[in-house]
Every structure is written in C-alpha cells, then in structure tokens.
All heavy atoms as atom14 arrays in JSON, in Angstrom:
{
  "sequence": "LTAAEVKAGRKASPQTNAAGGVGLFTAAIDEVVEIMDARF",
  "atom14_mask": [
    [1, 1, 1, 1, 1, 1, 1, 1, 0, 0, 0, 0, 0, 0],
    [1, 1, 1, 1, 1, 1, 1, 0, 0, 0, 0, 0, 0, 0],
    [1, 1, 1, 1, 1, 0, 0, 0, 0, 0, 0, 0, 0, 0],
    [1, 1, 1, 1, 1, 0, 0, 0, 0, 0, 0, 0, 0, 0],
    [1, 1, 1, 1, 1, 1, 1, 1, 1, 0, 0, 0, 0, 0],
    [1, 1, 1, 1, 1, 1, 1, 0, 0, 0, 0, 0, 0, 0],
    [1, 1, 1, 1, 1, 1, 1, 1, 1, 0, 0, 0, 0, 0],
    [1, 1, 1, 1, 1, 0, 0, 0, 0, 0, 0, 0, 0, 0],
    [1, 1, 1, 1, 0, 0, 0, 0, 0, 0, 0, 0, 0, 0],
    [1, 1, 1, 1, 1, 1, 1, 1, 1, 1, 1, 0, 0, 0],
    [1, 1, 1, 1, 1, 1, 1, 1, 1, 0, 0, 0, 0, 0],
    [1, 1, 1, 1, 1, 0, 0, 0, 0, 0, 0, 0, 0, 0],
    [1, 1, 1, 1, 1, 1, 0, 0, 0, 0, 0, 0, 0, 0],
    [1, 1, 1, 1, 1, 1, 1, 0, 0, 0, 0, 0, 0, 0],
    [1, 1, 1, 1, 1, 1, 1, 1, 1, 0, 0, 0, 0, 0],
    [1, 1, 1, 1, 1, 1, 1, 0, 0, 0, 0, 0, 0, 0],
    [1, 1, 1, 1, 1, 1, 1, 1, 0, 0, 0, 0, 0, 0],
    [1, 1, 1, 1, 1, 0, 0, 0, 0, 0, 0, 0, 0, 0],
    [1, 1, 1, 1, 1, 0, 0, 0, 0, 0, 0, 0, 0, 0],
    [1, 1, 1, 1, 0, 0, 0, 0, 0, 0, 0, 0, 0, 0],
    [1, 1, 1, 1, 0, 0, 0, 0, 0, 0, 0, 0, 0, 0],
    [1, 1, 1, 1, 1, 1, 1, 0, 0, 0, 0, 0, 0, 0],
    [1, 1, 1, 1, 0, 0, 0, 0, 0, 0, 0, 0, 0, 0],
    [1, 1, 1, 1, 1, 1, 1, 1, 0, 0, 0, 0, 0, 0],
    [1, 1, 1, 1, 1, 1, 1, 1, 1, 1, 1, 0, 0, 0],
    [1, 1, 1, 1, 1, 1, 1, 0, 0, 0, 0, 0, 0, 0],
    [1, 1, 1, 1, 1, 0, 0, 0, 0, 0, 0, 0, 0, 0],
    [1, 1, 1, 1, 1, 0, 0, 0, 0, 0, 0, 0, 0, 0],
    [1, 1, 1, 1, 1, 1, 1, 1, 0, 0, 0, 0, 0, 0],
    [1, 1, 1, 1, 1, 1, 1, 1, 0, 0, 0, 0, 0, 0],
    [1, 1, 1, 1, 1, 1, 1, 1, 1, 0, 0, 0, 0, 0],
    [1, 1, 1, 1, 1, 1, 1, 0, 0, 0, 0, 0, 0, 0],
    [1, 1, 1, 1, 1, 1, 1, 0, 0, 0, 0, 0, 0, 0],
    [1, 1, 1, 1, 1, 1, 1, 1, 1, 0, 0, 0, 0, 0],
    [1, 1, 1, 1, 1, 1, 1, 1, 0, 0, 0, 0, 0, 0],
    [1, 1, 1, 1, 1, 1, 1, 1, 0, 0, 0, 0, 0, 0],
    [1, 1, 1, 1, 1, 1, 1, 1, 0, 0, 0, 0, 0, 0],
    [1, 1, 1, 1, 1, 0, 0, 0, 0, 0, 0, 0, 0, 0],
    [1, 1, 1, 1, 1, 1, 1, 1, 1, 1, 1, 0, 0, 0],
    [1, 1, 1, 1, 1, 1, 1, 1, 1, 1, 1, 0, 0, 0]
  ],
  "atom14_positions": [
    [[184.88, 237.59, -48.89], [183.73, 237.19, -49.69], [182.56, 238.11, -49.38], [182.6, 238.89, -48.44], [183.36, 235.73, -49.46], [182.75, 235.31, -48.1], [182.45, 233.82, -48.13], [183.64, 235.61, -46.93], [0.0, 0.0, 0.0], [0.0, 0.0, 0.0], [0.0, 0.0, 0.0], [0.0, 0.0, 0.0], [0.0, 0.0, 0.0], [0.0, 0.0, 0.0]],
    [[181.51, 238.01, -50.19], [180.34, 238.87, -50.02], [179.21, 238.09, -49.36], [179.26, 236.86, -49.22], [179.84, 239.4, -51.37], [179.37, 238.29, -52.16], [180.96, 240.12, -52.11], [0.0, 0.0, 0.0], [0.0, 0.0, 0.0], [0.0, 0.0, 0.0], [0.0, 0.0, 0.0], [0.0, 0.0, 0.0], [0.0, 0.0, 0.0], [0.0, 0.0, 0.0]],
    [[178.15, 238.81, -48.98], [176.99, 238.16, -48.37], [176.37, 237.15, -49.33], [175.95, 236.06, -48.92], [175.96, 239.21, -47.95], [0.0, 0.0, 0.0], [0.0, 0.0, 0.0], [0.0, 0.0, 0.0], [0.0, 0.0, 0.0], [0.0, 0.0, 0.0], [0.0, 0.0, 0.0], [0.0, 0.0, 0.0], [0.0, 0.0, 0.0], [0.0, 0.0, 0.0]],
    [[176.33, 237.5, -50.62], [175.76, 236.58, -51.61], [176.58, 235.3, -51.71], [176.03, 234.2, -51.86], [175.67, 237.27, -52.96], [0.0, 0.0, 0.0], [0.0, 0.0, 0.0], [0.0, 0.0, 0.0], [0.0, 0.0, 0.0], [0.0, 0.0, 0.0], [0.0, 0.0, 0.0], [0.0, 0.0, 0.0], [0.0, 0.0, 0.0], [0.0, 0.0, 0.0]],
    [[177.89, 235.43, -51.62], [178.76, 234.25, -51.7], [178.62, 233.37, -50.47], [178.72, 232.14, -50.56], [180.2, 234.7, -51.9], [180.45, 235.31, -53.27], [181.78, 236.03, -53.39], [182.35, 236.43, -52.34], [182.26, 236.2, -54.53], [0.0, 0.0, 0.0], [0.0, 0.0, 0.0], [0.0, 0.0, 0.0], [0.0, 0.0, 0.0], [0.0, 0.0, 0.0]],
    [[178.36, 233.98, -49.32], [178.11, 233.18, -48.11], [176.82, 232.39, -48.28], [176.75, 231.19, -47.95], [178.02, 234.09, -46.87], [177.51, 233.31, -45.66], [179.37, 234.7, -46.56], [0.0, 0.0, 0.0], [0.0, 0.0, 0.0], [0.0, 0.0, 0.0], [0.0, 0.0, 0.0], [0.0, 0.0, 0.0], [0.0, 0.0, 0.0], [0.0, 0.0, 0.0]],
    [[175.78, 233.02, -48.82], [174.52, 232.33, -49.04], [174.65, 231.21, -50.06], [173.91, 230.23, -50.03], [173.46, 233.33, -49.51], [173.06, 234.35, -48.44], [172.09, 235.38, -48.98], [171.72, 236.41, -47.93], [170.81, 237.46, -48.45], [0.0, 0.0, 0.0], [0.0, 0.0, 0.0], [0.0, 0.0, 0.0], [0.0, 0.0, 0.0], [0.0, 0.0, 0.0]],
    [[175.65, 231.34, -50.95], [175.89, 230.3, -51.96], [176.73, 229.16, -51.39], [177.0, 228.19, -52.11], [176.58, 230.91, -53.17], [0.0, 0.0, 0.0], [0.0, 0.0, 0.0], [0.0, 0.0, 0.0], [0.0, 0.0, 0.0], [0.0, 0.0, 0.0], [0.0, 0.0, 0.0], [0.0, 0.0, 0.0], [0.0, 0.0, 0.0], [0.0, 0.0, 0.0]],
    [[177.15, 229.27, -50.12], [177.85, 228.16, -49.49], [179.34, 228.32, -49.32], [180.01, 227.41, -48.83], [0.0, 0.0, 0.0], [0.0, 0.0, 0.0], [0.0, 0.0, 0.0], [0.0, 0.0, 0.0], [0.0, 0.0, 0.0], [0.0, 0.0, 0.0], [0.0, 0.0, 0.0], [0.0, 0.0, 0.0], [0.0, 0.0, 0.0], [0.0, 0.0, 0.0]],
    [[179.9, 229.45, -49.72], [181.35, 229.64, -49.57], [181.71, 229.86, -48.1], [180.95, 230.45, -47.34], [181.83, 230.83, -50.4], [181.93, 230.52, -51.89], [182.68, 231.63, -52.61], [184.0, 231.87, -52.01], [184.8, 232.88, -52.36], [184.41, 233.75, -53.28], [185.98, 233.02, -51.78], [0.0, 0.0, 0.0], [0.0, 0.0, 0.0], [0.0, 0.0, 0.0]],
    [[182.87, 229.39, -47.71], [183.35, 229.51, -46.35], [184.34, 230.66, -46.24], [185.16, 230.89, -47.14], [184.03, 228.22, -45.9], [183.1, 227.0, -45.93], [181.94, 227.16, -44.96], [181.05, 225.9, -44.96], [179.87, 226.06, -44.07], [0.0, 0.0, 0.0], [0.0, 0.0, 0.0], [0.0, 0.0, 0.0], [0.0, 0.0, 0.0], [0.0, 0.0, 0.0]],
    [[184.29, 231.38, -45.13], [185.16, 232.53, -44.92], [186.42, 232.12, -44.17], [186.44, 231.13, -43.45], [184.42, 233.6, -44.13], [0.0, 0.0, 0.0], [0.0, 0.0, 0.0], [0.0, 0.0, 0.0], [0.0, 0.0, 0.0], [0.0, 0.0, 0.0], [0.0, 0.0, 0.0], [0.0, 0.0, 0.0], [0.0, 0.0, 0.0], [0.0, 0.0, 0.0]],
    [[187.46, 232.9, -44.35], [188.69, 232.75, -43.59], [189.2, 234.14, -43.25], [188.91, 235.11, -43.96], [189.75, 231.98, -44.38], [190.05, 232.65, -45.59], [0.0, 0.0, 0.0], [0.0, 0.0, 0.0], [0.0, 0.0, 0.0], [0.0, 0.0, 0.0], [0.0, 0.0, 0.0], [0.0, 0.0, 0.0], [0.0, 0.0, 0.0], [0.0, 0.0, 0.0]],
    [[189.94, 234.32, -42.15], [190.42, 235.64, -41.77], [191.27, 236.28, -42.88], [192.07, 235.61, -43.54], [191.27, 235.37, -40.52], [190.72, 234.08, -39.97], [190.32, 233.28, -41.17], [0.0, 0.0, 0.0], [0.0, 0.0, 0.0], [0.0, 0.0, 0.0], [0.0, 0.0, 0.0], [0.0, 0.0, 0.0], [0.0, 0.0, 0.0], [0.0, 0.0, 0.0]],
    [[191.07, 237.58, -43.08], [191.81, 238.33, -44.09], [192.82, 239.24, -43.4], [192.55, 239.79, -42.33], [190.84, 239.18, -44.92], [189.75, 238.38, -45.62], [190.32, 237.41, -46.65], [190.98, 237.81, -47.6], [190.04, 236.12, -46.45], [0.0, 0.0, 0.0], [0.0, 0.0, 0.0], [0.0, 0.0, 0.0], [0.0, 0.0, 0.0], [0.0, 0.0, 0.0]],
    [[193.97, 239.39, -44.0], [195.0, 240.28, -43.48], [195.52, 241.17, -44.61], [195.3, 240.88, -45.79], [196.17, 239.5, -42.88], [196.75, 238.66, -43.88], [195.71, 238.63, -41.71], [0.0, 0.0, 0.0], [0.0, 0.0, 0.0], [0.0, 0.0, 0.0], [0.0, 0.0, 0.0], [0.0, 0.0, 0.0], [0.0, 0.0, 0.0], [0.0, 0.0, 0.0]],
    [[196.19, 242.26, -44.23], [196.81, 243.11, -45.23], [198.19, 243.54, -44.75], [198.63, 243.22, -43.63], [195.92, 244.33, -45.54], [195.63, 245.18, -44.3], [196.41, 245.21, -43.36], [194.49, 245.86, -44.3], [0.0, 0.0, 0.0], [0.0, 0.0, 0.0], [0.0, 0.0, 0.0], [0.0, 0.0, 0.0], [0.0, 0.0, 0.0], [0.0, 0.0, 0.0]],
    [[198.9, 244.28, -45.59], [200.27, 244.67, -45.3], [200.39, 245.57, -44.08], [201.43, 245.62, -43.42], [200.88, 245.35, -46.52], [0.0, 0.0, 0.0], [0.0, 0.0, 0.0], [0.0, 0.0, 0.0], [0.0, 0.0, 0.0], [0.0, 0.0, 0.0], [0.0, 0.0, 0.0], [0.0, 0.0, 0.0], [0.0, 0.0, 0.0], [0.0, 0.0, 0.0]],
    [[199.33, 246.3, -43.76], [199.36, 247.21, -42.61], [199.13, 246.5, -41.28], [199.21, 247.12, -40.22], [198.32, 248.32, -42.78], [0.0, 0.0, 0.0], [0.0, 0.0, 0.0], [0.0, 0.0, 0.0], [0.0, 0.0, 0.0], [0.0, 0.0, 0.0], [0.0, 0.0, 0.0], [0.0, 0.0, 0.0], [0.0, 0.0, 0.0], [0.0, 0.0, 0.0]],
    [[198.83, 245.2, -41.35], [198.53, 244.45, -40.14], [197.06, 244.34, -39.83], [196.69, 243.82, -38.78], [0.0, 0.0, 0.0], [0.0, 0.0, 0.0], [0.0, 0.0, 0.0], [0.0, 0.0, 0.0], [0.0, 0.0, 0.0], [0.0, 0.0, 0.0], [0.0, 0.0, 0.0], [0.0, 0.0, 0.0], [0.0, 0.0, 0.0], [0.0, 0.0, 0.0]],
    [[196.21, 244.84, -40.73], [194.77, 244.75, -40.52], [194.27, 243.33, -40.58], [194.83, 242.49, -41.29], [0.0, 0.0, 0.0], [0.0, 0.0, 0.0], [0.0, 0.0, 0.0], [0.0, 0.0, 0.0], [0.0, 0.0, 0.0], [0.0, 0.0, 0.0], [0.0, 0.0, 0.0], [0.0, 0.0, 0.0], [0.0, 0.0, 0.0], [0.0, 0.0, 0.0]],
    [[193.21, 243.05, -39.81], [192.57, 241.74, -39.81], [191.08, 241.92, -40.02], [190.44, 242.76, -39.36], [192.8, 240.99, -38.48], [191.97, 239.72, -38.42], [194.27, 240.65, -38.31], [0.0, 0.0, 0.0], [0.0, 0.0, 0.0], [0.0, 0.0, 0.0], [0.0, 0.0, 0.0], [0.0, 0.0, 0.0], [0.0, 0.0, 0.0], [0.0, 0.0, 0.0]],
    [[190.52, 241.18, -40.96], [189.08, 241.14, -41.17], [188.57, 239.74, -40.9], [189.08, 238.77, -41.47], [0.0, 0.0, 0.0], [0.0, 0.0, 0.0], [0.0, 0.0, 0.0], [0.0, 0.0, 0.0], [0.0, 0.0, 0.0], [0.0, 0.0, 0.0], [0.0, 0.0, 0.0], [0.0, 0.0, 0.0], [0.0, 0.0, 0.0], [0.0, 0.0, 0.0]],
    [[187.59, 239.61, -40.02], [187.12, 238.31, -39.58], [185.61, 238.23, -39.68], [184.9, 239.08, -39.12], [187.56, 238.05, -38.14], [187.05, 236.77, -37.48], [187.64, 235.53, -38.16], [187.37, 236.76, -35.99], [0.0, 0.0, 0.0], [0.0, 0.0, 0.0], [0.0, 0.0, 0.0], [0.0, 0.0, 0.0], [0.0, 0.0, 0.0], [0.0, 0.0, 0.0]],
    [[185.1, 237.23, -40.39], [183.68, 236.93, -40.42], [183.48, 235.63, -39.66], [184.03, 234.58, -40.03], [183.18, 236.79, -41.85], [181.76, 236.26, -41.96], [180.74, 236.78, -41.17], [181.44, 235.24, -42.85], [179.45, 236.3, -41.25], [180.14, 234.76, -42.95], [179.14, 235.29, -42.15], [0.0, 0.0, 0.0], [0.0, 0.0, 0.0], [0.0, 0.0, 0.0]],
    [[182.73, 235.67, -38.55], [182.59, 234.51, -37.69], [181.28, 234.56, -36.93], [180.68, 235.63, -36.77], [183.76, 234.43, -36.69], [183.64, 233.24, -35.9], [183.78, 235.65, -35.77], [0.0, 0.0, 0.0], [0.0, 0.0, 0.0], [0.0, 0.0, 0.0], [0.0, 0.0, 0.0], [0.0, 0.0, 0.0], [0.0, 0.0, 0.0], [0.0, 0.0, 0.0]],
    [[180.87, 233.41, -36.43], [179.71, 233.33, -35.55], [180.14, 232.94, -34.14], [179.29, 232.64, -33.3], [178.7, 232.32, -36.09], [0.0, 0.0, 0.0], [0.0, 0.0, 0.0], [0.0, 0.0, 0.0], [0.0, 0.0, 0.0], [0.0, 0.0, 0.0], [0.0, 0.0, 0.0], [0.0, 0.0, 0.0], [0.0, 0.0, 0.0], [0.0, 0.0, 0.0]],
    [[181.45, 232.94, -33.87], [181.98, 232.47, -32.59], [182.8, 233.57, -31.92], [183.83, 233.98, -32.46], [182.83, 231.23, -32.79], [0.0, 0.0, 0.0], [0.0, 0.0, 0.0], [0.0, 0.0, 0.0], [0.0, 0.0, 0.0], [0.0, 0.0, 0.0], [0.0, 0.0, 0.0], [0.0, 0.0, 0.0], [0.0, 0.0, 0.0], [0.0, 0.0, 0.0]],
    [[182.37, 234.02, -30.75], [183.13, 235.01, -29.99], [184.49, 234.45, -29.6], [185.49, 235.18, -29.54], [182.35, 235.46, -28.75], [181.15, 236.33, -29.16], [183.23, 236.23, -27.78], [181.53, 237.66, -29.79], [0.0, 0.0, 0.0], [0.0, 0.0, 0.0], [0.0, 0.0, 0.0], [0.0, 0.0, 0.0], [0.0, 0.0, 0.0], [0.0, 0.0, 0.0]],
    [[184.56, 233.14, -29.34], [185.84, 232.53, -28.98], [186.89, 232.77, -30.06], [188.08, 233.0, -29.75], [185.68, 231.03, -28.77], [184.94, 230.69, -27.47], [184.69, 231.63, -26.68], [184.61, 229.51, -27.26], [0.0, 0.0, 0.0], [0.0, 0.0, 0.0], [0.0, 0.0, 0.0], [0.0, 0.0, 0.0], [0.0, 0.0, 0.0], [0.0, 0.0, 0.0]],
    [[186.49, 232.75, -31.32], [187.44, 232.98, -32.42], [187.89, 234.44, -32.43], [189.06, 234.73, -32.69], [186.8, 232.61, -33.76], [187.77, 232.66, -34.93], [187.15, 232.21, -36.24], [185.94, 231.89, -36.26], [187.88, 232.19, -37.26], [0.0, 0.0, 0.0], [0.0, 0.0, 0.0], [0.0, 0.0, 0.0], [0.0, 0.0, 0.0], [0.0, 0.0, 0.0]],
    [[186.98, 235.35, -32.12], [187.34, 236.76, -32.04], [188.4, 236.96, -30.95], [189.42, 237.63, -31.15], [186.1, 237.62, -31.73], [186.49, 239.09, -31.58], [185.04, 237.45, -32.82], [0.0, 0.0, 0.0], [0.0, 0.0, 0.0], [0.0, 0.0, 0.0], [0.0, 0.0, 0.0], [0.0, 0.0, 0.0], [0.0, 0.0, 0.0], [0.0, 0.0, 0.0]],
    [[188.16, 236.37, -29.79], [189.08, 236.53, -28.66], [190.43, 235.9, -28.95], [191.49, 236.46, -28.6], [188.46, 235.91, -27.38], [189.46, 235.9, -26.24], [187.2, 236.67, -26.99], [0.0, 0.0, 0.0], [0.0, 0.0, 0.0], [0.0, 0.0, 0.0], [0.0, 0.0, 0.0], [0.0, 0.0, 0.0], [0.0, 0.0, 0.0], [0.0, 0.0, 0.0]],
    [[190.44, 234.78, -29.63], [191.7, 234.11, -29.98], [192.58, 235.01, -30.84], [193.79, 235.14, -30.6], [191.41, 232.8, -30.71], [192.65, 232.01, -31.07], [192.34, 230.72, -31.81], [191.13, 230.35, -31.9], [193.28, 230.07, -32.31], [0.0, 0.0, 0.0], [0.0, 0.0, 0.0], [0.0, 0.0, 0.0], [0.0, 0.0, 0.0], [0.0, 0.0, 0.0]],
    [[191.99, 235.68, -31.82], [192.78, 236.57, -32.68], [193.18, 237.84, -31.91], [194.3, 238.33, -32.06], [191.99, 236.91, -33.95], [191.8, 235.64, -34.8], [192.69, 238.0, -34.76], [191.01, 235.85, -36.07], [0.0, 0.0, 0.0], [0.0, 0.0, 0.0], [0.0, 0.0, 0.0], [0.0, 0.0, 0.0], [0.0, 0.0, 0.0], [0.0, 0.0, 0.0]],
    [[192.29, 238.35, -31.08], [192.64, 239.51, -30.26], [193.85, 239.2, -29.38], [194.79, 240.01, -29.28], [191.46, 239.92, -29.38], [190.34, 240.63, -30.1], [188.92, 240.96, -29.0], [189.7, 241.91, -27.68], [0.0, 0.0, 0.0], [0.0, 0.0, 0.0], [0.0, 0.0, 0.0], [0.0, 0.0, 0.0], [0.0, 0.0, 0.0], [0.0, 0.0, 0.0]],
    [[193.84, 238.05, -28.72], [194.93, 237.7, -27.82], [196.26, 237.54, -28.55], [197.32, 237.76, -27.97], [194.6, 236.41, -27.07], [193.55, 236.61, -25.97], [193.34, 237.77, -25.57], [192.96, 235.61, -25.53], [0.0, 0.0, 0.0], [0.0, 0.0, 0.0], [0.0, 0.0, 0.0], [0.0, 0.0, 0.0], [0.0, 0.0, 0.0], [0.0, 0.0, 0.0]],
    [[196.18, 237.17, -29.82], [197.41, 237.04, -30.61], [197.94, 238.4, -31.05], [199.13, 238.54, -31.36], [197.16, 236.16, -31.83], [0.0, 0.0, 0.0], [0.0, 0.0, 0.0], [0.0, 0.0, 0.0], [0.0, 0.0, 0.0], [0.0, 0.0, 0.0], [0.0, 0.0, 0.0], [0.0, 0.0, 0.0], [0.0, 0.0, 0.0], [0.0, 0.0, 0.0]],
    [[197.08, 239.42, -31.05], [197.47, 240.74, -31.53], [197.98, 241.67, -30.43], [198.89, 242.46, -30.64], [196.28, 241.41, -32.24], [195.96, 240.82, -33.59], [194.68, 241.4, -34.16], [194.75, 242.83, -34.43], [195.26, 243.37, -35.52], [195.78, 242.6, -36.47], [195.26, 244.69, -35.7], [0.0, 0.0, 0.0], [0.0, 0.0, 0.0], [0.0, 0.0, 0.0]],
    [[197.38, 241.61, -29.24], [197.78, 242.52, -28.18], [197.36, 241.95, -26.83], [196.42, 241.15, -26.74], [197.16, 243.91, -28.37], [195.68, 243.91, -28.58], [194.8, 243.85, -27.51], [195.14, 243.97, -29.87], [193.43, 243.86, -27.7], [193.77, 243.98, -30.08], [192.91, 243.92, -28.98], [0.0, 0.0, 0.0], [0.0, 0.0, 0.0], [0.0, 0.0, 0.0]]
  ]
}
C-alpha cells in the first residue's frame, strides 16, 4: 500500500515475491526480528 492509503486507514501486511523478497511496513522492531529469524 502507499503512504496515502495508510493515512486513509488501510492496514499493511508483509509482502513477498517469487524471488523470496520480503517487504515489511511496521512500527515494531520485534516483528522485524521475527521475520529475520525465519529467514536466516
């Protein structure tokens, strides 16, 4: 989602692609670490 959509109240969820990429929008470092630990 975009910054405008966040301001409109939409909630984000982690994005993935076929190459294994992960895109994460979050305000919690704990969530970042959780996904990192699952990857490597």
